[in-house]
Amino acid sequence: MEDKIGMALAANRISICYFNLNNYQKSLEYILINIKLSDNDNLYSGVYNIGIIYRSLDQFEQSLNNF
């Protein structure tokens, strides 16, 4: 049996690790995996994190679209 929520949470945590290493592109890759695997109850944190990543990349218009 596949644990999609567990995999989504793992992808989120990996994204946060890359974010903390200032590797924003890799962080974005993993947060997109998180969103793909998340259910509606857990989707918000992934979308919010995309906004934070884009803000860190100085892509403010993209960032605003995710808040």
PDB file of N, CA and C in Angstrom:
ATOM      1  N   MET A   1       0.844  -1.184   0.000  1.00  0.00           N
ATOM      2  CA  MET A   1       0.000   0.000   0.000  1.00  0.00           C
ATOM      3  C   MET A   1       0.890   1.248   0.000  1.00  0.00           C
ATOM      4  N   GLU A   2       0.469   2.245  -0.744  1.00  0.00           N
ATOM      5  CA  GLU A   2       1.230   3.473  -0.882  1.00  0.00           C
ATOM      6  C   GLU A   2       0.714   4.525   0.093  1.00  0.00           C
ATOM      7  N   ASP A   3       1.620   5.130   0.837  1.00  0.00           N
ATOM      8  CA  ASP A   3       1.263   6.167   1.803  1.00  0.00           C
ATOM      9  C   ASP A   3       1.536   7.534   1.179  1.00  0.00           C
ATOM     10  N   LYS A   4       0.564   8.038   0.403  1.00  0.00           N
ATOM     11  CA  LYS A   4       0.760   9.296  -0.317  1.00  0.00           C
ATOM     12  C   LYS A   4       0.962  10.470   0.631  1.00  0.00           C
ATOM     13  N   ILE A   5       0.225  10.493   1.739  1.00  0.00           N
ATOM     14  CA  ILE A   5       0.371  11.602   2.684  1.00  0.00           C
ATOM     15  C   ILE A   5       1.760  11.578   3.313  1.00  0.00           C
ATOM     16  N   GLY A   6       2.244  10.392   3.674  1.00  0.00           N
ATOM     17  CA  GLY A   6       3.596  10.280   4.231  1.00  0.00           C
ATOM     18  C   GLY A   6       4.650  10.717   3.238  1.00  0.00           C
ATOM     19  N   MET A   7       4.474  10.343   1.976  1.00  0.00           N
ATOM     20  CA  MET A   7       5.421  10.757   0.937  1.00  0.00           C
ATOM     21  C   MET A   7       5.345  12.260   0.705  1.00  0.00           C
ATOM     22  N   ALA A   8       4.147  12.818   0.776  1.00  0.00           N
ATOM     23  CA  ALA A   8       3.989  14.269   0.614  1.00  0.00           C
ATOM     24  C   ALA A   8       4.696  15.010   1.748  1.00  0.00           C
ATOM     25  N   LEU A   9       4.534  14.528   2.968  1.00  0.00           N
ATOM     26  CA  LEU A   9       5.202  15.167   4.108  1.00  0.00           C
ATOM     27  C   LEU A   9       6.718  15.040   4.007  1.00  0.00           C
ATOM     28  N   ALA A  10       7.192  13.893   3.536  1.00  0.00           N
ATOM     29  CA  ALA A  10       8.635  13.710   3.356  1.00  0.00           C
ATOM     30  C   ALA A  10       9.168  14.685   2.304  1.00  0.00           C
ATOM     31  N   ALA A  11       8.447  14.840   1.189  1.00  0.00           N
ATOM     32  CA  ALA A  11       8.870  15.783   0.151  1.00  0.00           C
ATOM     33  C   ALA A  11       8.897  17.206   0.697  1.00  0.00           C
ATOM     34  N   ASN A  12       7.929  17.546   1.547  1.00  0.00           N
ATOM     35  CA  ASN A  12       7.896  18.867   2.167  1.00  0.00           C
ATOM     36  C   ASN A  12       9.127  19.084   3.045  1.00  0.00           C
ATOM     37  N   ARG A  13       9.470  18.088   3.825  1.00  0.00           N
ATOM     38  CA  ARG A  13      10.635  18.212   4.718  1.00  0.00           C
ATOM     39  C   ARG A  13      11.933  18.317   3.922  1.00  0.00           C
ATOM     40  N   ILE A  14      12.043  17.548   2.837  1.00  0.00           N
ATOM     41  CA  ILE A  14      13.230  17.644   1.980  1.00  0.00           C
ATOM     42  C   ILE A  14      13.303  19.032   1.362  1.00  0.00           C
ATOM     43  N   SER A  15      12.160  19.566   0.944  1.00  0.00           N
ATOM     44  CA  SER A  15      12.109  20.919   0.392  1.00  0.00           C
ATOM     45  C   SER A  15      12.610  21.941   1.403  1.00  0.00           C
ATOM     46  N   ILE A  16      12.198  21.792   2.637  1.00  0.00           N
ATOM     47  CA  ILE A  16      12.636  22.720   3.697  1.00  0.00           C
ATOM     48  C   ILE A  16      14.142  22.620   3.912  1.00  0.00           C
ATOM     49  N   CYS A  17      14.680  21.409   3.858  1.00  0.00           N
ATOM     50  CA  CYS A  17      16.129  21.239   4.010  1.00  0.00           C
ATOM     51  C   CYS A  17      16.878  21.971   2.901  1.00  0.00           C
ATOM     52  N   TYR A  18      16.438  21.792   1.658  1.00  0.00           N
ATOM     53  CA  TYR A  18      17.080  22.496   0.547  1.00  0.00           C
ATOM     54  C   TYR A  18      16.909  24.002   0.681  1.00  0.00           C
ATOM     55  N   PHE A  19      15.751  24.436   1.137  1.00  0.00           N
ATOM     56  CA  PHE A  19      15.530  25.864   1.347  1.00  0.00           C
ATOM     57  C   PHE A  19      16.532  26.421   2.351  1.00  0.00           C
ATOM     58  N   ASN A  20      16.732  25.694   3.445  1.00  0.00           N
ATOM     59  CA  ASN A  20      17.673  26.141   4.477  1.00  0.00           C
ATOM     60  C   ASN A  20      19.115  26.144   3.992  1.00  0.00           C
ATOM     61  N   LEU A  21      19.398  25.386   2.943  1.00  0.00           N
ATOM     62  CA  LEU A  21      20.730  25.389   2.327  1.00  0.00           C
ATOM     63  C   LEU A  21      20.831  26.425   1.202  1.00  0.00           C
ATOM     64  N   ASN A  22      19.788  27.244   1.048  1.00  0.00           N
ATOM     65  CA  ASN A  22      19.701  28.274   0.010  1.00  0.00           C
ATOM     66  C   ASN A  22      19.694  27.685  -1.401  1.00  0.00           C
ATOM     67  N   ASN A  23      19.282  26.447  -1.532  1.00  0.00           N
ATOM     68  CA  ASN A  23      19.131  25.814  -2.841  1.00  0.00           C
ATOM     69  C   ASN A  23      17.645  25.876  -3.194  1.00  0.00           C
ATOM     70  N   TYR A  24      17.213  27.049  -3.630  1.00  0.00           N
ATOM     71  CA  TYR A  24      15.795  27.316  -3.825  1.00  0.00           C
ATOM     72  C   TYR A  24      15.199  26.545  -4.992  1.00  0.00           C
ATOM     73  N   GLN A  25      15.972  26.321  -6.039  1.00  0.00           N
ATOM     74  CA  GLN A  25      15.446  25.570  -7.185  1.00  0.00           C
ATOM     75  C   GLN A  25      15.138  24.125  -6.796  1.00  0.00           C
ATOM     76  N   LYS A  26      16.033  23.503  -6.050  1.00  0.00           N
ATOM     77  CA  LYS A  26      15.807  22.126  -5.598  1.00  0.00           C
ATOM     78  C   LYS A  26      14.660  22.100  -4.589  1.00  0.00           C
ATOM     79  N   SER A  27      14.578  23.105  -3.759  1.00  0.00           N
ATOM     80  CA  SER A  27      13.475  23.216  -2.808  1.00  0.00           C
ATOM     81  C   SER A  27      12.145  23.291  -3.544  1.00  0.00           C
ATOM     82  N   LEU A  28      12.113  24.056  -4.616  1.00  0.00           N
ATOM     83  CA  LEU A  28      10.905  24.195  -5.416  1.00  0.00           C
ATOM     84  C   LEU A  28      10.516  22.858  -6.064  1.00  0.00           C
ATOM     85  N   GLU A  29      11.502  22.106  -6.530  1.00  0.00           N
ATOM     86  CA  GLU A  29      11.227  20.790  -7.112  1.00  0.00           C
ATOM     87  C   GLU A  29      10.496  19.888  -6.111  1.00  0.00           C
ATOM     88  N   TYR A  30      10.988  19.865  -4.886  1.00  0.00           N
ATOM     89  CA  TYR A  30      10.396  18.973  -3.890  1.00  0.00           C
ATOM     90  C   TYR A  30       9.052  19.476  -3.377  1.00  0.00           C
ATOM     91  N   ILE A  31       8.863  20.779  -3.329  1.00  0.00           N
ATOM     92  CA  ILE A  31       7.563  21.271  -2.869  1.00  0.00           C
ATOM     93  C   ILE A  31       6.501  21.006  -3.931  1.00  0.00           C
ATOM     94  N   LEU A  32       6.895  20.983  -5.204  1.00  0.00           N
ATOM     95  CA  LEU A  32       5.942  20.627  -6.257  1.00  0.00           C
ATOM     96  C   LEU A  32       5.553  19.152  -6.161  1.00  0.00           C
ATOM     97  N   ILE A  33       6.491  18.308  -5.756  1.00  0.00           N
ATOM     98  CA  ILE A  33       6.169  16.901  -5.498  1.00  0.00           C
ATOM     99  C   ILE A  33       5.199  16.809  -4.325  1.00  0.00           C
ATOM    100  N   ASN A  34       5.461  17.605  -3.292  1.00  0.00           N
ATOM    101  CA  ASN A  34       4.570  17.645  -2.122  1.00  0.00           C
ATOM    102  C   ASN A  34       3.149  17.994  -2.533  1.00  0.00           C
ATOM    103  N   ILE A  35       3.001  18.995  -3.370  1.00  0.00           N
ATOM    104  CA  ILE A  35       1.671  19.429  -3.802  1.00  0.00           C
ATOM    105  C   ILE A  35       0.989  18.343  -4.637  1.00  0.00           C
ATOM    106  N   LYS A  36       1.753  17.707  -5.496  1.00  0.00           N
ATOM    107  CA  LYS A  36       1.190  16.651  -6.341  1.00  0.00           C
ATOM    108  C   LYS A  36       0.632  15.492  -5.505  1.00  0.00           C
ATOM    109  N   LEU A  37       1.288  15.191  -4.381  1.00  0.00           N
ATOM    110  CA  LEU A  37       0.892  14.056  -3.549  1.00  0.00           C
ATOM    111  C   LEU A  37      -0.096  14.422  -2.443  1.00  0.00           C
ATOM    112  N   SER A  38      -0.238  15.703  -2.145  1.00  0.00           N
ATOM    113  CA  SER A  38      -1.064  16.142  -1.018  1.00  0.00           C
ATOM    114  C   SER A  38      -2.552  16.023  -1.308  1.00  0.00           C
ATOM    115  N   ASP A  39      -3.306  15.825  -0.245  1.00  0.00           N
ATOM    116  CA  ASP A  39      -4.755  15.898  -0.355  1.00  0.00           C
ATOM    117  C   ASP A  39      -5.181  17.335  -0.066  1.00  0.00           C
ATOM    118  N   ASN A  40      -6.449  17.621  -0.170  1.00  0.00           N
ATOM    119  CA  ASN A  40      -6.935  19.000   0.007  1.00  0.00           C
ATOM    120  C   ASN A  40      -6.656  19.543   1.398  1.00  0.00           C
ATOM    121  N   ASP A  41      -6.638  18.688   2.417  1.00  0.00           N
ATOM    122  CA  ASP A  41      -6.396  19.163   3.778  1.00  0.00           C
ATOM    123  C   ASP A  41      -4.956  19.619   3.994  1.00  0.00           C
ATOM    124  N   ASN A  42      -4.025  19.101   3.197  1.00  0.00           N
ATOM    125  CA  ASN A  42      -2.608  19.406   3.394  1.00  0.00           C
ATOM    126  C   ASN A  42      -2.009  20.238   2.271  1.00  0.00           C
ATOM    127  N   LEU A  43      -2.813  20.669   1.342  1.00  0.00           N
ATOM    128  CA  LEU A  43      -2.333  21.384   0.171  1.00  0.00           C
ATOM    129  C   LEU A  43      -1.846  22.799   0.494  1.00  0.00           C
ATOM    130  N   TYR A  44      -2.471  23.451   1.461  1.00  0.00           N
ATOM    131  CA  TYR A  44      -2.193  24.854   1.748  1.00  0.00           C
ATOM    132  C   TYR A  44      -0.720  25.103   2.086  1.00  0.00           C
ATOM    133  N   SER A  45      -0.130  24.251   2.903  1.00  0.00           N
ATOM    134  CA  SER A  45       1.256  24.508   3.314  1.00  0.00           C
ATOM    135  C   SER A  45       2.209  24.459   2.128  1.00  0.00           C
ATOM    136  N   GLY A  46       1.952  23.568   1.172  1.00  0.00           N
ATOM    137  CA  GLY A  46       2.803  23.502  -0.014  1.00  0.00           C
ATOM    138  C   GLY A  46       2.706  24.749  -0.861  1.00  0.00           C
ATOM    139  N   VAL A  47       1.499  25.225  -1.074  1.00  0.00           N
ATOM    140  CA  VAL A  47       1.299  26.441  -1.873  1.00  0.00           C
ATOM    141  C   VAL A  47       1.931  27.642  -1.168  1.00  0.00           C
ATOM    142  N   TYR A  48       1.771  27.711   0.141  1.00  0.00           N
ATOM    143  CA  TYR A  48       2.380  28.785   0.928  1.00  0.00           C
ATOM    144  C   TYR A  48       3.902  28.743   0.802  1.00  0.00           C
ATOM    145  N   ASN A  49       4.467  27.534   0.895  1.00  0.00           N
ATOM    146  CA  ASN A  49       5.914  27.399   0.790  1.00  0.00           C
ATOM    147  C   ASN A  49       6.428  27.813  -0.584  1.00  0.00           C
ATOM    148  N   ILE A  50       5.642  27.586  -1.635  1.00  0.00           N
ATOM    149  CA  ILE A  50       6.038  28.058  -2.962  1.00  0.00           C
ATOM    150  C   ILE A  50       6.166  29.581  -2.953  1.00  0.00           C
ATOM    151  N   GLY A  51       5.227  30.247  -2.300  1.00  0.00           N
ATOM    152  CA  GLY A  51       5.304  31.703  -2.188  1.00  0.00           C
ATOM    153  C   GLY A  51       6.574  32.155  -1.486  1.00  0.00           C
ATOM    154  N   ILE A  52       6.959  31.448  -0.443  1.00  0.00           N
ATOM    155  CA  ILE A  52       8.176  31.791   0.292  1.00  0.00           C
ATOM    156  C   ILE A  52       9.413  31.565  -0.576  1.00  0.00           C
ATOM    157  N   ILE A  53       9.422  30.471  -1.318  1.00  0.00           N
ATOM    158  CA  ILE A  53      10.563  30.181  -2.193  1.00  0.00           C
ATOM    159  C   ILE A  53      10.699  31.264  -3.262  1.00  0.00           C
ATOM    160  N   TYR A  54       9.591  31.609  -3.919  1.00  0.00           N
ATOM    161  CA  TYR A  54       9.655  32.649  -4.949  1.00  0.00           C
ATOM    162  C   TYR A  54      10.064  33.994  -4.354  1.00  0.00           C
ATOM    163  N   ARG A  55       9.626  34.284  -3.155  1.00  0.00           N
ATOM    164  CA  ARG A  55      10.051  35.529  -2.513  1.00  0.00           C
ATOM    165  C   ARG A  55      11.565  35.524  -2.306  1.00  0.00           C
ATOM    166  N   SER A  56      12.108  34.383  -1.903  1.00  0.00           N
ATOM    167  CA  SER A  56      13.553  34.280  -1.697  1.00  0.00           C
ATOM    168  C   SER A  56      14.331  34.395  -3.003  1.00  0.00           C
ATOM    169  N   LEU A  57      13.695  34.071  -4.115  1.00  0.00           N
ATOM    170  CA  LEU A  57      14.313  34.206  -5.435  1.00  0.00           C
ATOM    171  C   LEU A  57      14.075  35.598  -6.039  1.00  0.00           C
ATOM    172  N   ASP A  58      13.481  36.501  -5.249  1.00  0.00           N
ATOM    173  CA  ASP A  58      13.138  37.857  -5.690  1.00  0.00           C
ATOM    174  C   ASP A  58      12.167  37.857  -6.857  1.00  0.00           C
ATOM    175  N   GLN A  59      11.342  36.830  -6.948  1.00  0.00           N
ATOM    176  CA  GLN A  59      10.284  36.759  -7.950  1.00  0.00           C
ATOM    177  C   GLN A  59       8.962  37.086  -7.251  1.00  0.00           C
ATOM    178  N   PHE A  60       8.798  38.356  -6.974  1.00  0.00           N
ATOM    179  CA  PHE A  60       7.722  38.800  -6.106  1.00  0.00           C
ATOM    180  C   PHE A  60       6.332  38.604  -6.704  1.00  0.00           C
ATOM    181  N   GLU A  61       6.204  38.770  -7.995  1.00  0.00           N
ATOM    182  CA  GLU A  61       4.884  38.579  -8.630  1.00  0.00           C
ATOM    183  C   GLU A  61       4.445  37.115  -8.499  1.00  0.00           C
ATOM    184  N   GLN A  62       5.374  36.189  -8.776  1.00  0.00           N
ATOM    185  CA  GLN A  62       5.096  34.760  -8.609  1.00  0.00           C
ATOM    186  C   GLN A  62       4.780  34.450  -7.147  1.00  0.00           C
ATOM    187  N   SER A  63       5.516  35.080  -6.260  1.00  0.00           N
ATOM    188  CA  SER A  63       5.301  34.863  -4.835  1.00  0.00           C
ATOM    189  C   SER A  63       3.891  35.261  -4.425  1.00  0.00           C
ATOM    190  N   LEU A  64       3.454  36.427  -4.873  1.00  0.00           N
ATOM    191  CA  LEU A  64       2.112  36.897  -4.509  1.00  0.00           C
ATOM    192  C   LEU A  64       1.008  35.970  -5.022  1.00  0.00           C
ATOM    193  N   ASN A  65       1.245  35.326  -6.137  1.00  0.00           N
ATOM    194  CA  ASN A  65       0.248  34.418  -6.694  1.00  0.00           C
ATOM    195  C   ASN A  65       0.044  33.183  -5.821  1.00  0.00           C
ATOM    196  N   ASN A  66       0.963  32.933  -4.904  1.00  0.00           N
ATOM    197  CA  ASN A  66       0.874  31.728  -4.073  1.00  0.00           C
ATOM    198  C   ASN A  66       0.492  32.019  -2.622  1.00  0.00           C
ATOM    199  N   PHE A  67       0.189  33.283  -2.321  1.00  0.00           N
ATOM    200  CA  PHE A  67      -0.246  33.612  -0.955  1.00  0.00           C
ATOM    201  C   PHE A  67      -1.728  33.879  -0.929  1.00  0.00           C
TER     202      PHE A  67
END
